[in-house]
Amino acid sequence: MQRWHQTIGRIESIDFSLAARTQDRLDHLTKPQGSLGRLEELAKQIVEITKNDAPQIRNKVIFTMAGDHGIAKEGVSAFPPEVTTQMVYNFLQRGAGINVLAEHVGARVVVVDMGVAADLHPHPELLARKIGYGTRNILYGPAMTRDEAIRSVETGMEVFEAELQRGVDLAGTGEMGIGNTTPSSAIAAVITGRAIEDVTGKGTGIDDKTLAHKIDVIKRIIAANQPNPEDALDVLQKIGGYEIGGLVGVILAAASKRVPVVIDGFISGAAALLACRWEPKAKDYLIAAHCSVERGHKIILDYLGLEPLLHLDLRLGEGTGAALGMSLVEAAVKILMQMATFQSASVSERMDR
């Protein structure tokens, strides 16, 4: 766990030392004070995270991690498990929603096989980092071994650090894994302490009967595994997923390098819960792209104290919401850096200043 401890040890508290100077610049741009709302707050957050009062967003990178889940065999999803493999190939052929939206906002997508239950064909844009061929069925015991849980997180860290060599100014999280809303709901219930019914939704679009079955399955999962809510590694090992662990690693590694992280939907939110349980300081490096229609997502965001940028009724995952959120973060930075001040534009300021 040397990489793990070193990475977490590098995560610093944000000291807000540049906040006053950034606010002063924003207040002198050619607009009424505060008139760009959340964009102004985002600009300040990026300055504070990066410790750079002249930030630039050149490289936006979405980490889309894929893994299968043994629990998918229990009828908790509207889609069969083989869709995970099929969608990874779709990502690589650039035919998925994440590909379209990432191209739209100028982000690159890093596709990682963390635990797909098939041998994928080699592809120059696929990172083969398989921990196992899908997690075990968590209805009957832990999802993975302790060593596998550690490896999943450290693999996420390694993937981020390798990509950092190409340049990462803004990271986004995404995932693919049929059945992964079930472990995410279990994680949300355990960490937040909320009722399973409150954090469990329809995932890929199941009907009410299947939802009731899913809720019952999650209750049995938690009873069978008894994860310790104070121990994030125990939670990940017992009821998590390889792709969820990978996203935890990306979040922690990005925070250790003072790179802002735009988190996507419900599964990314579950990973954020675990990352912040390991290191609470990581929360200040997170930007919530949106609040999905998955009912537990709002509970996660409220628990973490994150205000989503968008409300678009999204529930696709893959990093699609993160891509859209990244465009707003980049817009905020451009406002800060490219907009004229009253003085530079020779525009009169308000009379009561």
Protein backbone atom coordinates (compact mmCIF):
# COMPACT_ATOMS: atom_id res chain seq x y z
CA MET A 1 0.00 0.00 0.00
CA GLN A 2 3.00 2.29 -0.39
CA ARG A 3 1.53 4.13 -3.38
CA TRP A 4 -1.76 4.47 -1.53
CA HIS A 5 -0.22 6.06 1.56
CA GLN A 6 2.10 8.30 -0.45
CA THR A 7 -0.77 9.57 -2.58
CA ILE A 8 -3.07 10.32 0.34
CA GLY A 9 -0.19 11.93 2.22
CA ARG A 10 0.24 14.46 -0.59
CA ILE A 11 -3.36 15.72 -0.44
CA GLU A 12 -3.26 19.19 1.08
CA SER A 13 -5.97 21.24 2.70
CA ILE A 14 -7.05 24.13 0.51
CA ASP A 15 -5.99 27.30 2.32
CA PHE A 16 -8.01 29.83 0.24
CA SER A 17 -5.00 32.21 0.27
CA LEU A 18 -5.82 33.42 -3.26
CA ALA A 19 -9.54 33.88 -2.65
CA ALA A 20 -9.50 37.61 -1.90
CA ARG A 21 -7.33 38.47 -4.90
CA THR A 22 -9.47 36.33 -7.23
CA GLN A 23 -12.66 37.89 -5.90
CA ASP A 24 -11.21 41.36 -6.46
CA ARG A 25 -10.46 40.55 -10.09
CA LEU A 26 -13.94 39.14 -10.61
CA ASP A 27 -15.46 42.25 -9.06
CA HIS A 28 -13.59 44.48 -11.51
CA LEU A 29 -14.63 42.64 -14.66
CA THR A 30 -17.03 44.47 -16.97
CA LYS A 31 -20.23 43.24 -15.35
CA PRO A 32 -22.26 43.86 -12.22
CA GLN A 33 -20.68 42.14 -9.24
CA GLY A 34 -21.78 38.55 -8.88
CA SER A 35 -23.81 38.61 -12.09
CA LEU A 36 -22.23 35.43 -13.45
CA GLY A 37 -23.24 33.48 -10.36
CA ARG A 38 -21.87 29.94 -10.16
CA LEU A 39 -19.36 30.63 -12.93
CA GLU A 40 -17.63 33.10 -10.63
CA GLU A 41 -17.65 30.58 -7.78
CA LEU A 42 -16.21 27.94 -10.10
CA ALA A 43 -13.43 30.26 -11.21
CA LYS A 44 -12.46 30.87 -7.59
CA GLN A 45 -12.57 27.16 -6.83
CA ILE A 46 -10.21 26.35 -9.71
CA VAL A 47 -7.77 29.03 -8.54
CA GLU A 48 -7.88 27.72 -4.99
CA ILE A 49 -7.48 24.06 -6.02
CA THR A 50 -4.59 24.70 -8.40
CA LYS A 51 -2.92 27.45 -6.35
CA ASN A 52 -2.63 29.34 -9.62
CA ASP A 53 -4.23 32.75 -9.96
CA ALA A 54 -3.93 32.53 -13.76
CA PRO A 55 -5.25 29.01 -14.50
CA GLN A 56 -5.78 27.55 -17.93
CA ILE A 57 -7.77 24.50 -18.97
CA ARG A 58 -5.88 22.93 -21.87
CA ASN A 59 -6.28 19.23 -21.16
CA LYS A 60 -9.64 17.81 -20.08
CA VAL A 61 -9.54 14.06 -19.47
CA ILE A 62 -12.43 11.72 -18.62
CA PHE A 63 -11.49 8.42 -17.02
CA THR A 64 -14.13 5.85 -17.99
CA MET A 65 -13.56 2.67 -16.04
CA ALA A 66 -15.32 -0.59 -16.81
CA GLY A 67 -16.03 -3.60 -14.63
CA ASP A 68 -18.59 -6.36 -14.30
CA HIS A 69 -20.51 -7.42 -11.21
CA GLY A 70 -21.53 -10.88 -10.06
CA ILE A 71 -24.70 -9.40 -8.58
CA ALA A 72 -25.98 -8.73 -12.12
CA LYS A 73 -26.96 -12.42 -12.19
CA GLU A 74 -29.66 -11.66 -9.61
CA GLY A 75 -31.94 -9.78 -12.00
CA VAL A 76 -31.25 -6.26 -10.68
CA SER A 77 -30.68 -4.66 -14.11
CA ALA A 78 -32.72 -4.23 -17.27
CA PHE A 79 -29.72 -5.27 -19.38
CA PRO A 80 -27.73 -8.54 -19.52
CA PRO A 81 -24.14 -8.60 -18.18
CA GLU A 82 -22.58 -8.97 -21.65
CA VAL A 83 -23.55 -5.37 -22.41
CA THR A 84 -20.53 -4.20 -20.39
CA THR A 85 -18.18 -5.83 -22.91
CA GLN A 86 -20.22 -4.61 -25.86
CA MET A 87 -20.22 -1.04 -24.58
CA VAL A 88 -16.47 -1.01 -24.03
CA TYR A 89 -16.05 -1.86 -27.70
CA ASN A 90 -18.53 0.92 -28.49
CA PHE A 91 -16.38 3.37 -26.51
CA LEU A 92 -13.32 2.29 -28.47
CA GLN A 93 -15.20 2.74 -31.75
CA ARG A 94 -16.22 6.21 -30.52
CA GLY A 95 -19.90 5.50 -30.91
CA ALA A 96 -21.14 6.03 -27.35
CA GLY A 97 -22.67 9.03 -25.64
CA ILE A 98 -19.44 9.76 -23.80
CA ASN A 99 -17.52 9.88 -27.07
CA VAL A 100 -19.94 12.36 -28.61
CA LEU A 101 -20.04 14.66 -25.58
CA ALA A 102 -16.31 14.43 -24.90
CA GLU A 103 -15.57 15.45 -28.47
CA HIS A 104 -18.13 18.23 -28.15
CA VAL A 105 -16.28 19.75 -25.16
CA GLY A 106 -12.78 18.90 -26.35
CA ALA A 107 -11.99 16.23 -23.77
CA ARG A 108 -10.14 12.99 -24.31
CA VAL A 109 -11.52 9.73 -22.96
CA VAL A 110 -9.34 7.16 -21.25
CA VAL A 111 -11.07 3.75 -21.33
CA VAL A 112 -9.86 1.30 -18.68
CA ASP A 113 -10.71 -2.38 -18.29
CA MET A 114 -10.71 -2.71 -14.51
CA GLY A 115 -12.68 -5.95 -14.34
CA VAL A 116 -14.71 -6.79 -17.41
CA ALA A 117 -15.82 -10.43 -17.36
CA ALA A 118 -14.30 -11.20 -20.77
CA ASP A 119 -10.95 -11.10 -22.53
CA LEU A 120 -11.14 -7.91 -24.56
CA HIS A 121 -9.36 -7.59 -27.89
CA PRO A 122 -6.25 -5.41 -27.66
CA HIS A 123 -6.83 -1.84 -28.81
CA PRO A 124 -4.47 1.14 -28.78
CA GLU A 125 -7.02 3.19 -26.82
CA LEU A 126 -7.83 0.51 -24.23
CA LEU A 127 -5.91 0.33 -20.98
CA ALA A 128 -5.98 -3.32 -19.89
CA ARG A 129 -5.75 -3.21 -16.11
CA LYS A 130 -8.04 -6.10 -15.24
CA ILE A 131 -8.10 -6.98 -11.55
CA GLY A 132 -10.49 -9.89 -12.09
CA TYR A 133 -13.26 -11.15 -14.36
CA GLY A 134 -16.00 -9.25 -12.60
CA THR A 135 -16.59 -9.11 -8.86
CA ARG A 136 -18.03 -12.03 -6.97
CA ASN A 137 -21.75 -12.15 -6.26
CA ILE A 138 -22.03 -9.92 -3.18
CA LEU A 139 -25.29 -11.57 -2.19
CA TYR A 140 -23.21 -14.47 -0.90
CA GLY A 141 -20.00 -12.83 0.30
CA PRO A 142 -17.42 -10.12 -0.36
CA ALA A 143 -17.06 -8.62 -3.83
CA MET A 144 -13.30 -9.07 -3.80
CA THR A 145 -10.33 -9.82 -1.59
CA ARG A 146 -8.64 -7.09 0.41
CA ASP A 147 -5.65 -7.28 -1.94
CA GLU A 148 -7.90 -6.86 -4.98
CA ALA A 149 -9.57 -3.83 -3.40
CA ILE A 150 -6.20 -2.21 -2.75
CA ARG A 151 -5.05 -3.04 -6.28
CA SER A 152 -8.18 -1.49 -7.79
CA VAL A 153 -7.56 1.82 -6.00
CA GLU A 154 -3.83 1.83 -6.71
CA THR A 155 -4.50 1.00 -10.36
CA GLY A 156 -6.73 4.07 -10.59
CA MET A 157 -3.91 6.11 -9.10
CA GLU A 158 -1.42 4.68 -11.59
CA VAL A 159 -3.71 5.36 -14.54
CA PHE A 160 -4.17 8.98 -13.49
CA GLU A 161 -0.46 9.56 -12.86
CA ALA A 162 0.46 8.06 -16.23
CA GLU A 163 -2.06 10.27 -17.99
CA LEU A 164 -0.76 13.29 -16.09
CA GLN A 165 2.44 12.98 -18.12
CA ARG A 166 0.38 13.90 -21.20
CA GLY A 167 -1.29 16.73 -19.33
CA VAL A 168 -4.41 16.82 -17.16
CA ASP A 169 -5.76 20.22 -16.13
CA LEU A 170 -9.25 18.96 -15.40
CA ALA A 171 -10.21 15.33 -14.65
CA GLY A 172 -13.63 13.75 -15.05
CA THR A 173 -14.95 10.42 -13.80
CA GLY A 174 -17.06 7.91 -15.69
CA GLU A 175 -17.83 4.20 -15.63
CA MET A 176 -19.47 1.25 -17.31
CA GLY A 177 -20.67 -1.88 -15.56
CA ILE A 178 -24.02 -3.61 -15.81
CA GLY A 179 -25.45 -3.96 -12.30
CA ASN A 180 -23.23 -1.30 -10.75
CA THR A 181 -26.05 0.81 -9.32
CA THR A 182 -26.68 -2.05 -6.87
CA PRO A 183 -23.27 -1.90 -5.14
CA SER A 184 -23.40 1.89 -5.40
CA SER A 185 -26.72 1.96 -3.55
CA ALA A 186 -25.28 -0.38 -0.94
CA ILE A 187 -22.23 1.87 -0.53
CA ALA A 188 -24.44 4.96 -0.25
CA ALA A 189 -26.62 3.34 2.39
CA VAL A 190 -23.66 2.17 4.45
CA ILE A 191 -21.66 5.41 4.32
CA THR A 192 -24.51 7.92 4.68
CA GLY A 193 -26.59 5.85 7.07
CA ARG A 194 -29.73 6.38 5.01
CA ALA A 195 -32.37 3.74 4.43
CA ILE A 196 -31.78 1.44 1.48
CA GLU A 197 -35.12 2.50 0.00
CA ASP A 198 -33.93 6.12 -0.01
CA VAL A 199 -30.78 5.48 -2.02
CA THR A 200 -31.96 2.82 -4.48
CA GLY A 201 -33.37 3.75 -7.87
CA LYS A 202 -34.25 2.20 -11.19
CA GLY A 203 -30.75 2.20 -12.66
CA THR A 204 -30.93 1.26 -16.34
CA GLY A 205 -34.72 1.55 -16.28
CA ILE A 206 -36.14 -1.38 -14.34
CA ASP A 207 -39.85 -1.56 -13.50
CA ASP A 208 -41.40 -1.19 -10.03
CA LYS A 209 -41.46 -4.94 -9.40
CA THR A 210 -37.77 -5.27 -10.20
CA LEU A 211 -37.01 -2.22 -8.06
CA ALA A 212 -38.66 -3.88 -5.07
CA HIS A 213 -36.57 -6.99 -5.76
CA LYS A 214 -33.42 -4.85 -6.04
CA ILE A 215 -34.10 -3.21 -2.67
CA ASP A 216 -34.58 -6.62 -1.06
CA VAL A 217 -31.34 -7.86 -2.64
CA ILE A 218 -29.40 -4.87 -1.28
CA LYS A 219 -30.76 -5.45 2.22
CA ARG A 220 -29.57 -9.05 2.00
CA ILE A 221 -26.18 -7.91 0.62
CA ILE A 222 -25.54 -5.62 3.59
CA ALA A 223 -26.76 -8.22 6.08
CA ALA A 224 -24.52 -10.87 4.53
CA ASN A 225 -21.36 -8.72 4.39
CA GLN A 226 -21.70 -6.35 7.37
CA PRO A 227 -19.37 -3.68 5.92
CA ASN A 228 -17.85 -1.27 8.44
CA PRO A 229 -18.99 2.28 7.51
CA GLU A 230 -15.91 3.77 9.18
CA ASP A 231 -13.54 1.69 7.04
CA ALA A 232 -13.73 2.60 3.36
CA LEU A 233 -11.47 -0.27 2.35
CA ASP A 234 -13.77 -2.73 4.10
CA VAL A 235 -16.78 -1.25 2.30
CA LEU A 236 -15.08 -1.39 -1.10
CA GLN A 237 -13.85 -4.94 -0.57
CA LYS A 238 -17.18 -6.31 0.60
CA ILE A 239 -19.76 -4.50 -1.54
CA GLY A 240 -17.88 -2.45 -4.15
CA GLY A 241 -16.66 -2.91 -7.69
CA TYR A 242 -13.34 -2.86 -9.50
CA GLU A 243 -14.33 0.20 -11.55
CA ILE A 244 -15.54 1.95 -8.40
CA GLY A 245 -12.18 1.31 -6.75
CA GLY A 246 -10.44 2.62 -9.85
CA LEU A 247 -12.42 5.84 -9.68
CA VAL A 248 -11.52 6.21 -6.00
CA GLY A 249 -7.88 6.03 -7.06
CA VAL A 250 -8.35 8.64 -9.78
CA ILE A 251 -10.01 11.04 -7.33
CA LEU A 252 -7.31 10.66 -4.69
CA ALA A 253 -4.45 10.88 -7.19
CA ALA A 254 -5.91 13.99 -8.82
CA ALA A 255 -6.36 15.67 -5.44
CA SER A 256 -2.76 14.84 -4.55
CA LYS A 257 -1.65 16.71 -7.68
CA ARG A 258 -4.06 19.64 -7.12
CA VAL A 259 -6.09 18.74 -10.22
CA PRO A 260 -9.84 19.49 -10.00
CA VAL A 261 -12.14 16.50 -10.48
CA VAL A 262 -15.58 16.78 -12.10
CA ILE A 263 -17.58 13.80 -10.91
CA ASP A 264 -20.34 12.31 -13.00
CA GLY A 265 -23.41 10.53 -11.65
CA PHE A 266 -24.46 8.03 -9.03
CA ILE A 267 -21.64 5.50 -9.39
CA SER A 268 -19.03 8.27 -9.48
CA GLY A 269 -20.73 9.68 -6.40
CA ALA A 270 -20.34 6.35 -4.60
CA ALA A 271 -16.63 6.41 -5.47
CA ALA A 272 -16.42 9.97 -4.14
CA LEU A 273 -18.00 8.84 -0.85
CA LEU A 274 -15.28 6.23 -0.43
CA ALA A 275 -12.48 8.60 -1.45
CA CYS A 276 -13.64 11.23 1.03
CA ARG A 277 -14.01 8.64 3.78
CA TRP A 278 -10.34 7.78 3.24
CA GLU A 279 -9.27 11.42 3.04
CA PRO A 280 -11.88 14.10 3.85
CA LYS A 281 -9.65 16.81 2.35
CA ALA A 282 -10.34 15.31 -1.10
CA LYS A 283 -13.87 16.74 -1.01
CA ASP A 284 -12.64 20.28 -1.74
CA TYR A 285 -11.14 19.07 -5.03
CA LEU A 286 -14.49 17.78 -6.30
CA ILE A 287 -17.01 19.49 -8.57
CA ALA A 288 -20.40 17.82 -8.99
CA ALA A 289 -21.32 17.99 -12.67
CA HIS A 290 -25.01 17.21 -12.20
CA CYS A 291 -27.64 15.54 -10.07
CA SER A 292 -29.00 12.47 -11.82
CA VAL A 293 -32.50 11.03 -11.57
CA GLU A 294 -31.08 8.11 -9.58
CA ARG A 295 -32.61 8.92 -6.21
CA GLY A 296 -29.53 8.20 -4.15
CA HIS A 297 -27.37 10.65 -6.05
CA LYS A 298 -28.83 13.74 -4.36
CA ILE A 299 -28.35 12.09 -0.99
CA ILE A 300 -24.68 11.47 -1.81
CA LEU A 301 -24.15 15.05 -2.97
CA ASP A 302 -25.89 16.48 0.09
CA TYR A 303 -23.80 14.24 2.35
CA LEU A 304 -20.61 15.49 0.69
CA GLY A 305 -21.79 19.10 0.66
CA LEU A 306 -21.56 19.38 -3.13
CA GLU A 307 -23.93 21.55 -5.18
CA PRO A 308 -24.45 20.14 -8.70
CA LEU A 309 -23.95 22.40 -11.70
CA LEU A 310 -26.71 20.88 -13.80
CA HIS A 311 -30.12 19.25 -13.44
CA LEU A 312 -30.76 17.50 -16.75
CA ASP A 313 -32.40 14.24 -15.66
CA LEU A 314 -29.34 12.29 -16.79
CA ARG A 315 -28.77 8.65 -15.82
CA LEU A 316 -26.43 7.29 -18.47
CA GLY A 317 -23.10 7.34 -16.66
CA GLU A 318 -19.96 6.77 -18.78
CA GLY A 319 -18.79 10.28 -17.82
CA THR A 320 -21.42 12.04 -19.94
CA GLY A 321 -22.47 14.43 -17.18
CA ALA A 322 -18.84 15.09 -16.31
CA ALA A 323 -18.18 16.13 -19.90
CA LEU A 324 -20.97 18.70 -19.77
CA GLY A 325 -19.80 19.94 -16.39
CA MET A 326 -16.27 20.36 -17.70
CA SER A 327 -17.51 22.81 -20.32
CA LEU A 328 -18.87 25.05 -17.56
CA VAL A 329 -15.64 24.86 -15.57
CA GLU A 330 -13.67 25.84 -18.65
CA ALA A 331 -16.11 28.69 -19.33
CA ALA A 332 -15.63 29.95 -15.77
CA VAL A 333 -11.85 30.00 -16.13
CA LYS A 334 -12.11 31.83 -19.45
CA ILE A 335 -14.35 34.45 -17.85
CA LEU A 336 -11.72 35.05 -15.19
CA MET A 337 -8.78 35.16 -17.57
CA GLN A 338 -10.18 36.66 -20.79
CA MET A 339 -12.89 39.11 -19.78
CA ALA A 340 -11.86 42.76 -19.72
CA THR A 341 -11.79 44.82 -16.55
CA PHE A 342 -13.54 48.16 -16.32
CA GLN A 343 -10.16 49.87 -16.41
CA SER A 344 -8.74 47.95 -19.38
CA ALA A 345 -11.91 48.45 -21.41
CA SER A 346 -12.36 52.11 -20.38
CA VAL A 347 -15.85 51.33 -19.09
CA SER A 348 -17.23 53.40 -16.23
CA GLU A 349 -17.76 51.53 -12.98
CA ARG A 350 -20.88 51.79 -10.83
CA MET A 351 -21.19 55.14 -9.13
CA ASP A 352 -21.30 53.98 -5.53
CA ARG A 353 -17.90 52.26 -5.60
